[in-house]
Amino acid sequence: MARSGLADAARVARWADAALGPGRDSATDDGKATLSDATAERAARDLGLTPAQVRADWDTARLAGLVEVHGDSARPGWRLRAWDRDDSAVLRGWVALFDAWSLAHPEPAEHEPAAVAEVVSAMPQALSFLQLSAGPVPVEQLLDLLEQRVTELRTARCEIPYGPQPEPSAEPEPTDAPLAPLLDWALRALASVGALTYGDGQATLTPLGSWAVWVKLEQICVAAQSPAGNIEQAADDMLRGCAQLRPNAARAEYRAWLAARPVGSAVTELLGAARGEDALLRGLAFEALRVVGAPAEPDVRGVLDEPTLRPYALLWLAEHDGADPEDAHEVLTREEATWLWVDTAAAVADHGEAPLLVRHLESAVQPTIPRLLDEVRAVGHPRTVQVLVALAAAHPDPALAKAVRRAAFQVHTGGS
């Protein structure tokens, strides 16, 4: 059902990828993959559609993540790339469209924005009721439920100001706008994305809509089970809170944190944390991105040009493409592997114990300590001196500790 519901949007997205991609001779005059009037008309001719149909399918493709618009240009989303091989990508695309139902079918202009916002906030309860009913529900019953929920929302945000109150006005208070037209709009919008059927005075969730509501309820339950209580924290603080957890507990915490946020903003936050000075957070951020999975792929690929993140991104992509985690390091060059060794050593030096730093020597790709020190000095990691000093202080072999201290001094003074 998700494939059939998004098939027209995928068709337009593929046309745009083929016709408007970089380097295509047939690209529009401005050289950008935007849906200008000329582009819509050209797509309509090529696909046998009207320009209005093309624009509608393009909007659906954007909302479903089949295309990603960046400023004045667009590029295929990861879901379009995975369309033929990954059913979960198709389902995620449809859930994204389901989440954006109020944008897929904009409200009539005559409605007050505040009233529209109340109805949008109240509809999850109505959808849950539809799912529990497992069959047709009269619109009158949904309207009663909607009115109750909107009243609860208004009561919850009602505040009585301190200080003298104005005298009651002799003029009657304006009545609230009736909710029936807004419920009609909401049900039509949800029907337009395939979440329910609506007609003859009743609404029924489609199997796909019922599944989506179930997924949302499951996400709420996962978020409520945040084991370490970091769900409300920013990415940096959440990762710090997970630093002392065992791997399985940390992954559960990542899942809870992610379930409470849109995927795009969560990935942006995690990469922002990875760009900081704390090497431990860098590693943990990419562990959390492993929990995100395929939706993070475009953003992870986008940081390959950042030296600080490149080794982590390469390992993430290798594992995402199916490489065994124990063999994924083979995608790194010698310099990248050495840089990653220093970065990981910095995390151990800052947050671990001395024996852990000594054992970290065993993970180096270099066969001997002199080779390791030579390549560590050459790789140019900003924490090299601190790592070598900490390693020299922790190592029990006096001769090796002396050699490491000498290497630290040489890096510090710029000698060889």
Protein backbone atom coordinates (compact mmCIF):
# COMPACT_ATOMS: atom_id res chain seq x y z
CA MET A 1 0.00 0.00 0.00
CA ALA A 2 2.82 2.41 0.80
CA ARG A 3 4.44 1.73 -2.59
CA SER A 4 1.22 2.25 -4.50
CA GLY A 5 0.41 5.39 -2.52
CA LEU A 6 3.79 6.92 -3.27
CA ALA A 7 4.25 5.53 -6.78
CA ASP A 8 3.30 8.77 -8.58
CA ALA A 9 5.58 10.81 -6.31
CA ALA A 10 8.45 8.38 -6.90
CA ARG A 11 7.89 8.64 -10.66
CA VAL A 12 8.24 12.43 -10.62
CA ALA A 13 11.24 12.23 -8.28
CA ARG A 14 12.99 9.80 -10.62
CA TRP A 15 12.21 12.00 -13.60
CA ALA A 16 13.79 14.96 -11.79
CA ASP A 17 16.85 12.90 -10.86
CA ALA A 18 17.36 11.83 -14.46
CA ALA A 19 16.45 15.08 -16.20
CA LEU A 20 17.67 17.73 -13.80
CA GLY A 21 20.69 16.17 -12.15
CA PRO A 22 24.10 17.88 -12.29
CA GLY A 23 25.80 17.65 -15.69
CA ARG A 24 22.65 16.77 -17.61
CA ASP A 25 22.40 18.50 -20.99
CA SER A 26 18.67 18.69 -20.52
CA ALA A 27 18.79 20.62 -17.26
CA THR A 28 16.81 23.84 -16.95
CA ASP A 29 18.36 27.11 -18.03
CA ASP A 30 19.19 28.16 -14.48
CA GLY A 31 21.08 24.91 -13.92
CA LYS A 32 19.16 24.14 -10.72
CA ALA A 33 16.93 21.18 -9.93
CA THR A 34 13.98 23.37 -8.98
CA LEU A 35 10.37 22.93 -10.05
CA SER A 36 9.92 26.16 -11.98
CA ASP A 37 6.93 26.65 -14.25
CA ALA A 38 9.02 25.57 -17.23
CA THR A 39 10.21 22.47 -15.38
CA ALA A 40 6.67 21.50 -14.35
CA GLU A 41 5.45 21.85 -17.93
CA ARG A 42 8.38 19.85 -19.26
CA ALA A 43 7.78 17.07 -16.72
CA ALA A 44 4.09 17.06 -17.63
CA ARG A 45 4.97 16.53 -21.31
CA ASP A 46 7.49 13.79 -20.55
CA LEU A 47 5.25 11.92 -18.11
CA GLY A 48 1.87 12.46 -19.75
CA LEU A 49 0.51 14.46 -16.82
CA THR A 50 -0.82 17.94 -16.26
CA PRO A 51 1.46 20.55 -14.62
CA ALA A 52 -0.92 20.55 -11.63
CA GLN A 53 -0.46 16.78 -11.21
CA VAL A 54 3.30 17.16 -11.46
CA ARG A 55 3.31 19.84 -8.77
CA ALA A 56 1.09 17.74 -6.49
CA ASP A 57 3.32 14.68 -6.93
CA TRP A 58 6.43 16.81 -6.40
CA ASP A 59 5.03 18.14 -3.12
CA THR A 60 4.28 14.58 -2.01
CA ALA A 61 7.81 13.51 -2.96
CA ARG A 62 9.26 16.32 -0.84
CA LEU A 63 7.10 15.49 2.18
CA ALA A 64 7.96 11.78 1.89
CA GLY A 65 11.69 12.44 1.63
CA LEU A 66 12.00 11.11 -1.92
CA VAL A 67 13.59 14.43 -2.85
CA GLU A 68 15.46 16.79 -0.56
CA VAL A 69 15.38 20.50 -1.33
CA HIS A 70 18.35 22.60 -0.27
CA GLY A 71 17.86 26.27 -1.03
CA ASP A 72 17.34 26.58 -4.78
CA SER A 73 18.37 23.04 -5.63
CA ALA A 74 17.05 19.54 -5.03
CA ARG A 75 18.64 16.11 -4.85
CA PRO A 76 17.27 12.56 -4.54
CA GLY A 77 16.57 11.48 -0.98
CA TRP A 78 17.96 8.25 0.43
CA ARG A 79 14.48 6.75 0.30
CA LEU A 80 14.37 7.12 -3.48
CA ARG A 81 17.80 5.47 -3.78
CA ALA A 82 16.62 2.58 -1.60
CA TRP A 83 13.15 2.36 -3.14
CA ASP A 84 13.62 -0.90 -5.06
CA ARG A 85 15.61 -2.78 -2.45
CA ASP A 86 14.34 -1.65 0.93
CA ASP A 87 10.66 -1.89 1.92
CA SER A 88 11.42 -0.13 5.19
CA ALA A 89 12.57 2.94 3.24
CA VAL A 90 9.20 3.04 1.47
CA LEU A 91 7.35 2.70 4.78
CA ARG A 92 9.45 5.43 6.37
CA GLY A 93 8.64 7.67 3.44
CA TRP A 94 4.94 7.07 3.88
CA VAL A 95 5.14 7.69 7.64
CA ALA A 96 6.89 11.00 6.88
CA LEU A 97 3.98 11.88 4.59
CA PHE A 98 1.51 10.77 7.27
CA ASP A 99 3.23 13.03 9.80
CA ALA A 100 2.87 15.94 7.36
CA TRP A 101 -0.83 15.41 6.60
CA SER A 102 -1.69 19.01 7.51
CA LEU A 103 0.81 20.24 4.91
CA ALA A 104 -0.20 17.76 2.24
CA HIS A 105 -3.73 19.19 2.22
CA PRO A 106 -3.53 22.81 3.47
CA GLU A 107 -6.43 24.17 5.51
CA PRO A 108 -8.88 26.66 3.97
CA ALA A 109 -7.75 30.23 4.35
CA GLU A 110 -10.83 31.34 6.28
CA HIS A 111 -9.93 29.34 9.40
CA GLU A 112 -8.09 30.99 12.28
CA PRO A 113 -4.49 29.70 12.57
CA ALA A 114 -4.92 29.15 16.33
CA ALA A 115 -7.98 26.95 15.79
CA VAL A 116 -6.17 24.98 13.08
CA ALA A 117 -3.23 24.42 15.42
CA GLU A 118 -5.58 23.15 18.13
CA VAL A 119 -7.17 20.64 15.78
CA VAL A 120 -3.79 19.43 14.54
CA SER A 121 -2.69 18.94 18.16
CA ALA A 122 -5.93 17.11 19.00
CA MET A 123 -6.04 14.73 16.02
CA PRO A 124 -3.58 12.11 17.42
CA GLN A 125 -6.19 11.28 20.07
CA ALA A 126 -8.85 10.93 17.40
CA LEU A 127 -6.57 8.68 15.37
CA SER A 128 -5.87 6.52 18.41
CA PHE A 129 -9.62 6.18 18.96
CA LEU A 130 -10.07 5.16 15.33
CA GLN A 131 -7.38 2.52 15.73
CA LEU A 132 -8.91 1.12 18.91
CA SER A 133 -12.34 1.03 17.24
CA ALA A 134 -10.94 -1.14 14.40
CA GLY A 135 -13.78 -0.13 12.13
CA PRO A 136 -15.95 2.75 10.94
CA VAL A 137 -16.54 5.56 13.43
CA PRO A 138 -19.35 8.13 12.97
CA VAL A 139 -18.08 11.66 12.37
CA GLU A 140 -20.38 12.92 15.16
CA GLN A 141 -18.52 10.74 17.63
CA LEU A 142 -15.16 12.00 16.39
CA LEU A 143 -16.44 15.58 16.66
CA ASP A 144 -17.42 15.03 20.31
CA LEU A 145 -13.96 13.62 21.00
CA LEU A 146 -12.29 16.51 19.17
CA GLU A 147 -14.27 19.11 21.10
CA GLN A 148 -13.33 17.48 24.41
CA ARG A 149 -9.66 17.38 23.50
CA VAL A 150 -9.59 21.00 22.28
CA THR A 151 -11.28 22.06 25.52
CA GLU A 152 -8.58 20.21 27.48
CA LEU A 153 -5.85 21.96 25.48
CA ARG A 154 -7.40 25.38 26.08
CA THR A 155 -7.83 24.68 29.78
CA ALA A 156 -4.26 23.46 30.16
CA ARG A 157 -2.81 26.70 28.82
CA CYS A 158 -5.28 29.02 30.58
CA GLU A 159 -3.46 31.42 32.95
CA ILE A 160 -4.96 33.96 35.37
CA PRO A 161 -2.70 37.05 35.51
CA TYR A 162 -1.69 38.57 38.83
CA GLY A 163 -2.80 42.08 39.80
CA PRO A 164 -6.05 43.99 39.32
CA GLN A 165 -8.40 42.52 36.76
CA PRO A 166 -10.37 44.65 34.26
CA GLU A 167 -14.07 45.13 34.76
CA PRO A 168 -16.25 42.66 32.86
CA SER A 169 -17.21 43.98 29.46
CA ALA A 170 -20.82 44.61 28.65
CA GLU A 171 -20.21 43.22 25.17
CA PRO A 172 -20.72 39.46 24.78
CA GLU A 173 -17.59 37.38 24.32
CA PRO A 174 -17.13 36.06 20.79
CA THR A 175 -17.92 32.38 20.49
CA ASP A 176 -15.27 29.92 19.37
CA ALA A 177 -15.27 28.93 15.76
CA PRO A 178 -17.17 25.64 15.23
CA LEU A 179 -14.86 22.66 14.94
CA ALA A 180 -16.95 20.64 12.47
CA PRO A 181 -15.46 22.30 9.35
CA LEU A 182 -11.95 21.82 10.72
CA LEU A 183 -12.63 18.17 11.49
CA ASP A 184 -13.88 17.77 7.92
CA TRP A 185 -10.64 19.34 6.65
CA ALA A 186 -8.49 17.11 8.89
CA LEU A 187 -10.27 13.92 7.81
CA ARG A 188 -10.00 14.88 4.15
CA ALA A 189 -6.31 15.64 4.59
CA LEU A 190 -5.66 12.29 6.28
CA ALA A 191 -7.62 10.56 3.53
CA SER A 192 -5.50 12.32 0.90
CA VAL A 193 -2.34 10.68 2.28
CA GLY A 194 -3.99 7.25 2.52
CA ALA A 195 -4.35 7.07 6.31
CA LEU A 196 -8.13 6.63 6.32
CA THR A 197 -11.25 6.51 4.22
CA TYR A 198 -13.86 9.20 4.73
CA GLY A 199 -17.42 9.32 3.44
CA ASP A 200 -21.09 8.70 4.28
CA GLY A 201 -20.66 10.40 7.64
CA GLN A 202 -17.97 8.07 8.95
CA ALA A 203 -14.21 7.51 8.91
CA THR A 204 -12.18 4.29 8.94
CA LEU A 205 -8.44 3.84 9.24
CA THR A 206 -6.83 2.03 6.36
CA PRO A 207 -4.53 -0.89 7.26
CA LEU A 208 -1.59 1.40 6.54
CA GLY A 209 -3.05 4.15 8.72
CA SER A 210 -3.68 1.69 11.54
CA TRP A 211 -0.09 0.49 11.30
CA ALA A 212 1.22 4.07 11.38
CA VAL A 213 -0.78 4.92 14.50
CA TRP A 214 0.50 1.75 16.14
CA VAL A 215 4.09 2.75 15.27
CA LYS A 216 3.56 6.19 16.81
CA LEU A 217 2.15 4.67 20.00
CA GLU A 218 5.11 2.30 20.16
CA GLN A 219 7.52 5.22 19.79
CA ILE A 220 5.83 7.00 22.67
CA CYS A 221 6.19 3.88 24.82
CA VAL A 222 9.88 3.57 23.87
CA ALA A 223 10.48 7.22 24.70
CA ALA A 224 8.74 6.79 28.05
CA GLN A 225 11.12 3.95 28.93
CA SER A 226 14.28 6.07 28.78
CA PRO A 227 16.40 4.08 31.26
CA ALA A 228 18.78 6.86 32.25
CA GLY A 229 16.38 9.78 31.99
CA ASN A 230 18.21 11.65 29.21
CA ILE A 231 15.34 11.94 26.78
CA GLU A 232 14.90 15.70 27.31
CA GLN A 233 18.62 16.49 27.09
CA ALA A 234 20.50 17.99 24.17
CA ALA A 235 22.67 15.55 22.23
CA ASP A 236 25.89 16.48 24.05
CA ASP A 237 24.39 15.94 27.50
CA MET A 238 22.56 12.79 26.42
CA LEU A 239 25.80 11.29 25.12
CA ARG A 240 27.64 12.20 28.32
CA GLY A 241 24.87 10.50 30.25
CA CYS A 242 25.38 7.35 28.18
CA ALA A 243 29.17 7.29 28.56
CA GLN A 244 29.10 5.03 31.62
CA LEU A 245 26.33 2.74 30.42
CA ARG A 246 26.88 -0.74 29.06
CA PRO A 247 26.46 -0.99 25.27
CA ASN A 248 22.94 -2.48 25.35
CA ALA A 249 21.73 0.10 27.88
CA ALA A 250 23.29 2.91 25.87
CA ARG A 251 21.56 1.74 22.69
CA ALA A 252 18.23 1.65 24.54
CA GLU A 253 18.87 5.23 25.65
CA TYR A 254 19.73 6.27 22.08
CA ARG A 255 16.49 4.70 20.80
CA ALA A 256 14.42 6.51 23.43
CA TRP A 257 16.11 9.83 22.68
CA LEU A 258 15.64 9.37 18.92
CA ALA A 259 11.99 8.33 19.28
CA ALA A 260 11.21 11.70 20.84
CA ARG A 261 12.62 13.73 17.92
CA PRO A 262 12.29 14.09 14.15
CA VAL A 263 15.03 12.03 12.54
CA GLY A 264 16.52 14.96 10.60
CA SER A 265 16.99 17.24 13.58
CA ALA A 266 18.30 14.36 15.72
CA VAL A 267 20.98 13.51 13.14
CA THR A 268 21.96 17.18 12.89
CA GLU A 269 22.29 17.37 16.67
CA LEU A 270 24.40 14.24 16.86
CA LEU A 271 26.78 15.44 14.15
CA GLY A 272 27.03 18.78 15.92
CA ALA A 273 28.07 16.95 19.08
CA ALA A 274 30.61 14.95 17.08
CA ARG A 275 32.24 18.16 15.86
CA GLY A 276 33.09 19.25 19.39
CA GLU A 277 36.43 18.92 21.15
CA ASP A 278 35.44 15.89 23.26
CA ALA A 279 36.62 12.80 21.40
CA LEU A 280 34.49 10.54 23.58
CA LEU A 281 31.32 12.30 22.41
CA ARG A 282 32.52 11.95 18.83
CA GLY A 283 32.64 8.18 19.11
CA LEU A 284 29.36 7.97 21.01
CA ALA A 285 27.62 10.21 18.49
CA PHE A 286 28.43 7.77 15.71
CA GLU A 287 27.24 4.89 17.89
CA ALA A 288 23.92 6.71 18.21
CA LEU A 289 23.90 7.25 14.43
CA ARG A 290 24.23 3.48 14.01
CA VAL A 291 20.91 3.21 15.83
CA VAL A 292 19.42 5.76 13.41
CA GLY A 293 20.49 3.62 10.46
CA ALA A 294 19.69 4.39 6.83
CA PRO A 295 18.00 7.80 7.33
CA ALA A 296 21.35 9.16 8.53
CA GLU A 297 23.26 8.08 5.41
CA PRO A 298 23.06 11.34 3.39
CA ASP A 299 24.22 13.42 6.35
CA VAL A 300 27.02 11.01 7.21
CA ARG A 301 28.22 11.09 3.61
CA GLY A 302 28.06 14.85 3.82
CA VAL A 303 30.78 14.99 6.50
CA LEU A 304 33.37 12.94 4.60
CA ASP A 305 35.24 16.14 3.74
CA GLU A 306 35.62 17.05 7.42
CA PRO A 307 38.95 15.58 8.63
CA THR A 308 37.75 15.29 12.22
CA LEU A 309 34.72 13.19 11.27
CA ARG A 310 35.94 11.41 8.14
CA PRO A 311 37.33 8.22 9.77
CA TYR A 312 34.18 7.76 11.83
CA ALA A 313 31.98 8.41 8.81
CA LEU A 314 33.91 5.93 6.66
CA LEU A 315 33.52 3.20 9.28
CA TRP A 316 29.82 4.00 9.68
CA LEU A 317 29.23 3.81 5.93
CA ALA A 318 31.20 0.59 5.58
CA GLU A 319 29.11 -1.07 8.29
CA HIS A 320 25.93 0.38 6.81
CA ASP A 321 26.86 -1.18 3.46
CA GLY A 322 27.21 -4.59 5.08
CA ALA A 323 30.86 -4.83 6.11
CA ASP A 324 31.64 -6.83 9.25
CA PRO A 325 32.40 -4.33 12.04
CA GLU A 326 35.68 -6.15 12.70
CA ASP A 327 36.74 -5.66 9.08
CA ALA A 328 35.33 -2.17 8.52
CA HIS A 329 38.66 -0.54 9.44
CA GLU A 330 40.04 -1.79 6.13
CA VAL A 331 38.31 1.13 4.39
CA LEU A 332 40.62 3.57 6.19
CA THR A 333 43.97 4.68 4.86
CA ARG A 334 46.97 4.29 7.15
CA GLU A 335 46.84 8.01 7.97
CA GLU A 336 43.10 7.90 8.72
CA ALA A 337 43.55 4.85 10.95
CA THR A 338 46.36 6.60 12.82
CA TRP A 339 44.31 9.77 13.24
CA LEU A 340 41.43 7.67 14.60
CA TRP A 341 43.81 5.88 16.99
CA VAL A 342 44.96 9.23 18.42
CA ASP A 343 41.38 10.51 18.67
CA THR A 344 40.26 7.38 20.49
CA ALA A 345 43.31 7.59 22.77
CA ALA A 346 42.31 11.16 23.60
CA ALA A 347 38.88 9.91 24.68
CA VAL A 348 40.48 7.23 26.86
CA ALA A 349 42.94 9.72 28.35
CA ASP A 350 40.15 12.15 29.21
CA HIS A 351 37.57 9.69 30.51
CA GLY A 352 39.21 6.32 31.09
CA GLU A 353 41.78 4.77 33.37
CA ALA A 354 45.52 4.44 32.78
CA PRO A 355 45.44 0.66 32.07
CA LEU A 356 42.91 1.27 29.30
CA LEU A 357 45.27 3.71 27.63
CA VAL A 358 48.12 1.21 27.79
CA ARG A 359 45.91 -1.51 26.29
CA HIS A 360 44.92 0.93 23.55
CA LEU A 361 48.43 0.43 22.12
CA GLU A 362 47.35 -3.03 20.99
CA SER A 363 44.77 -1.56 18.63
CA ALA A 364 47.32 0.43 16.60
CA VAL A 365 47.86 -0.69 13.01
CA GLN A 366 51.61 -0.10 13.23
CA PRO A 367 53.65 -3.23 13.99
CA THR A 368 56.13 -1.52 16.33
CA ILE A 369 56.08 1.32 18.84
CA PRO A 370 58.74 3.36 16.92
CA ARG A 371 56.63 3.12 13.75
CA LEU A 372 53.52 4.14 15.68
CA LEU A 373 55.28 7.15 17.19
CA ASP A 374 56.64 8.23 13.81
CA GLU A 375 53.22 8.09 12.19
CA VAL A 376 51.44 9.65 15.15
CA ARG A 377 53.81 12.62 14.98
CA ALA A 378 53.15 12.98 11.25
CA VAL A 379 49.37 12.72 11.31
CA GLY A 380 48.85 16.14 12.90
CA HIS A 381 46.08 15.39 15.39
CA PRO A 382 45.58 18.42 17.70
CA ARG A 383 45.62 16.22 20.81
CA THR A 384 48.82 14.33 19.94
CA VAL A 385 50.99 15.90 22.65
CA GLN A 386 48.43 15.33 25.41
CA VAL A 387 47.88 11.72 24.32
CA LEU A 388 51.58 10.93 24.26
CA VAL A 389 52.20 12.57 27.63
CA ALA A 390 49.34 10.61 29.19
CA LEU A 391 50.57 7.38 27.61
CA ALA A 392 54.11 7.97 28.89
CA ALA A 393 52.78 8.57 32.40
CA ALA A 394 50.65 5.42 32.31
CA HIS A 395 53.03 2.90 30.73
CA PRO A 396 54.91 0.65 33.19
CA ASP A 397 57.95 0.14 30.90
CA PRO A 398 60.43 2.95 31.69
CA ALA A 399 62.26 2.67 28.37
CA LEU A 400 59.06 2.82 26.33
CA ALA A 401 57.71 5.66 28.48
CA LYS A 402 60.91 7.59 27.84
CA ALA A 403 60.57 7.13 24.07
CA VAL A 404 56.96 8.29 24.18
CA ARG A 405 57.88 11.38 26.22
CA ARG A 406 60.61 12.19 23.70
CA ALA A 407 58.07 11.92 20.87
CA ALA A 408 55.70 14.23 22.77
CA PHE A 409 58.49 16.78 23.22
CA GLN A 410 59.35 16.64 19.53
CA VAL A 411 55.74 17.25 18.54
CA HIS A 412 55.48 20.10 21.03
CA THR A 413 58.63 21.82 19.80
CA GLY A 414 58.16 20.97 16.13
CA GLY A 415 61.37 18.91 16.05
CA SER A 416 61.98 15.60 14.32
